[in-house]
Structures are given as C-alpha cells and as structure tokens.
C-alpha cells in the first residue's frame, strides 16, 4: 500500500543533470544504494506511523510528537538527497524501487532495481514504469 502523497519529500537541492549508468556501473553502486534505500524504507514507515499517531495524540503531547515527525521527515529528505547524489532515482518509498538511467539501442531507458534483489536484473522504457520491466538479458547497451 503506497503512503499518502504528502510523505514524498521534495528535494532540497537543485536538480542535477541525469547520469547514465552501464549495467556494470549500476550494479557496482548497489552496496551503497541498498543501505540508503533500506534507511529510506524504514524512515518512511516511521513517518507514516508517526503521522497516524499524531491524529490521536493528546493535545498536550502533540508538539513533541510533531517535532519527532519533523525530524523523521528531515532525515528522509537527507536520505533521498544522498541517493540522488549517487545518480539514481527513488520510485517507491515503501518497496524501495530505484531507477538508474541506462542505454538500450541508443536511447535512454531505466535500469530497475528493488530493495532485496541481489543485482539490477531488469530494465524498462522511460515511460513504461516498473510494470514494463524486462530482463537485462534483452538489454543492448552498445548500439
């Protein structure tokens, strides 16, 4: 179940030019990316829980609860910014889906990875989304 839209923090840094990855390069980043994405998924779940709890928190405790929520949201933004610095894009806060921009037959595509997968094993067209994932065995990078 996807979280409410207001849980998607806006980047605090200006956008950067899109980095292109080969499949080998994308896989090489996974030890770092996996740690960051794990932190994102955990922190997002905490923020969702805190928001739900805030609705039923007694008035005298709401300010402290809000500070805790604000800290979690700030941390979440930091993690997303760290991921952006690597050059990949977070697609799903709950499942930890990441896209790396790659190339297939001379055009940009997304190399798609999900938290828990051992390697980048799928790709999809830019406008297809994760539902259009295809195995990387069909990827032709050098054309």
Protein backbone atom coordinates (compact mmCIF):
# COMPACT_ATOMS: atom_id res chain seq x y z
CA UNK A 1 0.00 0.00 0.00
CA UNK A 2 1.57 3.29 -1.06
CA UNK A 3 1.80 6.04 1.53
CA UNK A 4 -0.08 9.31 1.22
CA UNK A 5 1.39 11.79 -1.25
CA UNK A 6 2.42 14.27 1.45
CA UNK A 7 5.01 11.72 2.59
CA UNK A 8 7.01 12.28 -0.58
CA UNK A 9 9.52 14.93 0.43
CA UNK A 10 10.64 17.50 -2.09
CA UNK A 11 14.34 17.55 -2.86
CA UNK A 12 16.17 20.31 -1.04
CA UNK A 13 18.90 20.51 -3.67
CA UNK A 14 18.62 21.74 -7.25
CA UNK A 15 18.21 19.00 -9.82
CA UNK A 16 21.37 17.69 -11.43
CA UNK A 17 21.97 16.56 -14.98
CA UNK A 18 20.93 12.95 -15.43
CA UNK A 19 23.80 10.49 -15.02
CA UNK A 20 23.84 7.48 -17.32
CA UNK A 21 24.92 4.10 -15.96
CA UNK A 22 26.02 0.93 -17.67
CA UNK A 23 24.62 -2.22 -16.11
CA UNK A 24 28.02 -2.92 -14.55
CA UNK A 25 28.21 0.60 -13.07
CA UNK A 26 24.68 0.40 -11.66
CA UNK A 27 25.43 -2.95 -10.02
CA UNK A 28 28.67 -1.56 -8.61
CA UNK A 29 26.69 1.09 -6.67
CA UNK A 30 24.32 -1.41 -5.06
CA UNK A 31 26.15 -1.91 -1.75
CA UNK A 32 25.77 1.83 -1.04
CA UNK A 33 22.37 2.21 -2.72
CA UNK A 34 21.00 -0.76 -0.81
CA UNK A 35 21.96 0.77 2.55
CA UNK A 36 20.45 4.13 1.65
CA UNK A 37 17.24 2.61 0.30
CA UNK A 38 16.88 0.42 3.39
CA UNK A 39 17.12 3.57 5.53
CA UNK A 40 14.54 5.30 3.30
CA UNK A 41 12.04 2.44 3.58
CA UNK A 42 12.47 2.25 7.37
CA UNK A 43 12.26 6.01 7.90
CA UNK A 44 9.25 6.36 5.59
CA UNK A 45 7.40 3.67 7.55
CA UNK A 46 8.24 5.52 10.78
CA UNK A 47 6.95 8.82 9.34
CA UNK A 48 3.70 7.17 8.24
CA UNK A 49 3.25 5.65 11.71
CA UNK A 50 4.01 8.94 13.45
CA UNK A 51 1.53 10.79 11.25
CA UNK A 52 -1.22 8.33 12.06
CA UNK A 53 -0.39 8.52 15.77
CA UNK A 54 -0.39 12.32 15.67
CA UNK A 55 -4.09 12.27 14.79
CA UNK A 56 -4.88 10.61 18.13
CA UNK A 57 -2.17 12.16 20.29
CA UNK A 58 -3.48 14.21 23.22
CA UNK A 59 -3.17 17.96 22.63
CA UNK A 60 -0.55 18.44 25.36
CA UNK A 61 1.74 15.88 23.67
CA UNK A 62 1.24 16.99 20.06
CA UNK A 63 4.10 19.50 19.91
CA UNK A 64 6.68 16.90 20.96
CA UNK A 65 5.15 14.31 18.64
CA UNK A 66 5.26 16.83 15.76
CA UNK A 67 8.96 17.51 16.45
CA UNK A 68 9.65 13.77 16.23
CA UNK A 69 7.75 13.58 12.95
CA UNK A 70 9.58 16.63 11.58
CA UNK A 71 12.93 15.05 12.47
CA UNK A 72 11.95 11.84 10.66
CA UNK A 73 10.88 13.80 7.57
CA UNK A 74 14.15 15.76 7.59
CA UNK A 75 16.13 12.54 7.82
CA UNK A 76 14.07 11.06 4.99
CA UNK A 77 14.87 14.07 2.80
CA UNK A 78 18.57 13.66 3.60
CA UNK A 79 18.48 10.00 2.55
CA UNK A 80 16.69 10.83 -0.71
CA UNK A 81 19.22 13.59 -1.42
CA UNK A 82 22.06 11.13 -0.75
CA UNK A 83 20.52 8.70 -3.22
CA UNK A 84 20.17 11.49 -5.78
CA UNK A 85 23.87 12.27 -5.33
CA UNK A 86 24.66 8.71 -6.41
CA UNK A 87 22.73 9.43 -9.60
CA UNK A 88 19.69 7.19 -9.32
CA UNK A 89 16.04 7.98 -8.72
CA UNK A 90 13.77 6.66 -5.99
CA UNK A 91 10.48 5.43 -7.44
CA UNK A 92 8.77 3.86 -4.41
CA UNK A 93 9.28 4.70 -0.72
CA UNK A 94 7.65 1.53 0.59
CA UNK A 95 9.12 -1.12 -1.71
CA UNK A 96 12.45 0.61 -2.31
CA UNK A 97 12.30 0.69 -6.11
CA UNK A 98 15.14 2.55 -7.82
CA UNK A 99 15.77 3.54 -11.45
CA UNK A 100 19.19 4.18 -12.93
CA UNK A 101 19.27 5.83 -16.34
CA UNK A 102 20.91 3.47 -18.82
CA UNK A 103 21.05 2.99 -22.58
CA UNK A 104 19.39 0.47 -24.89
CA UNK A 105 19.86 0.61 -28.65
CA UNK A 106 20.96 4.26 -28.49
CA UNK A 107 18.13 5.62 -26.30
CA UNK A 108 17.71 6.26 -22.60
CA UNK A 109 15.95 3.58 -20.56
CA UNK A 110 15.63 2.80 -16.86
CA UNK A 111 17.70 0.10 -15.24
CA UNK A 112 15.34 -1.01 -12.48
CA UNK A 113 16.27 -2.39 -9.05
CA UNK A 114 14.20 -3.23 -5.99
CA UNK A 115 15.41 -3.49 -2.40
CA UNK A 116 16.28 -7.10 -1.67
CA UNK A 117 17.26 -8.00 -5.22
CA UNK A 118 20.91 -9.13 -5.48
CA UNK A 119 21.58 -7.18 -8.69
CA UNK A 120 19.98 -4.95 -11.30
CA UNK A 121 18.18 -7.62 -13.29
CA UNK A 122 15.53 -5.60 -15.17
CA UNK A 123 15.12 -2.56 -17.37
CA UNK A 124 12.13 -0.69 -18.80
CA UNK A 125 11.35 2.16 -21.17
CA UNK A 126 11.29 5.61 -19.58
CA UNK A 127 7.51 5.84 -19.80
CA UNK A 128 6.72 2.19 -19.01
CA UNK A 129 7.33 2.13 -15.27
CA UNK A 130 8.17 -0.95 -13.25
CA UNK A 131 5.18 -2.81 -14.74
CA UNK A 132 7.05 -2.85 -18.08
CA UNK A 133 10.19 -4.47 -16.63
CA UNK A 134 12.15 -6.71 -18.98
CA UNK A 135 15.15 -8.90 -18.14
CA UNK A 136 18.56 -7.29 -18.67
CA UNK A 137 19.42 -10.21 -20.96
CA UNK A 138 17.39 -8.28 -23.56
CA UNK A 139 19.37 -5.07 -22.98
CA UNK A 140 21.65 -3.90 -25.83
CA UNK A 141 23.86 -1.16 -24.37
CA UNK A 142 26.40 -0.74 -27.15
CA UNK A 143 24.32 0.38 -30.12
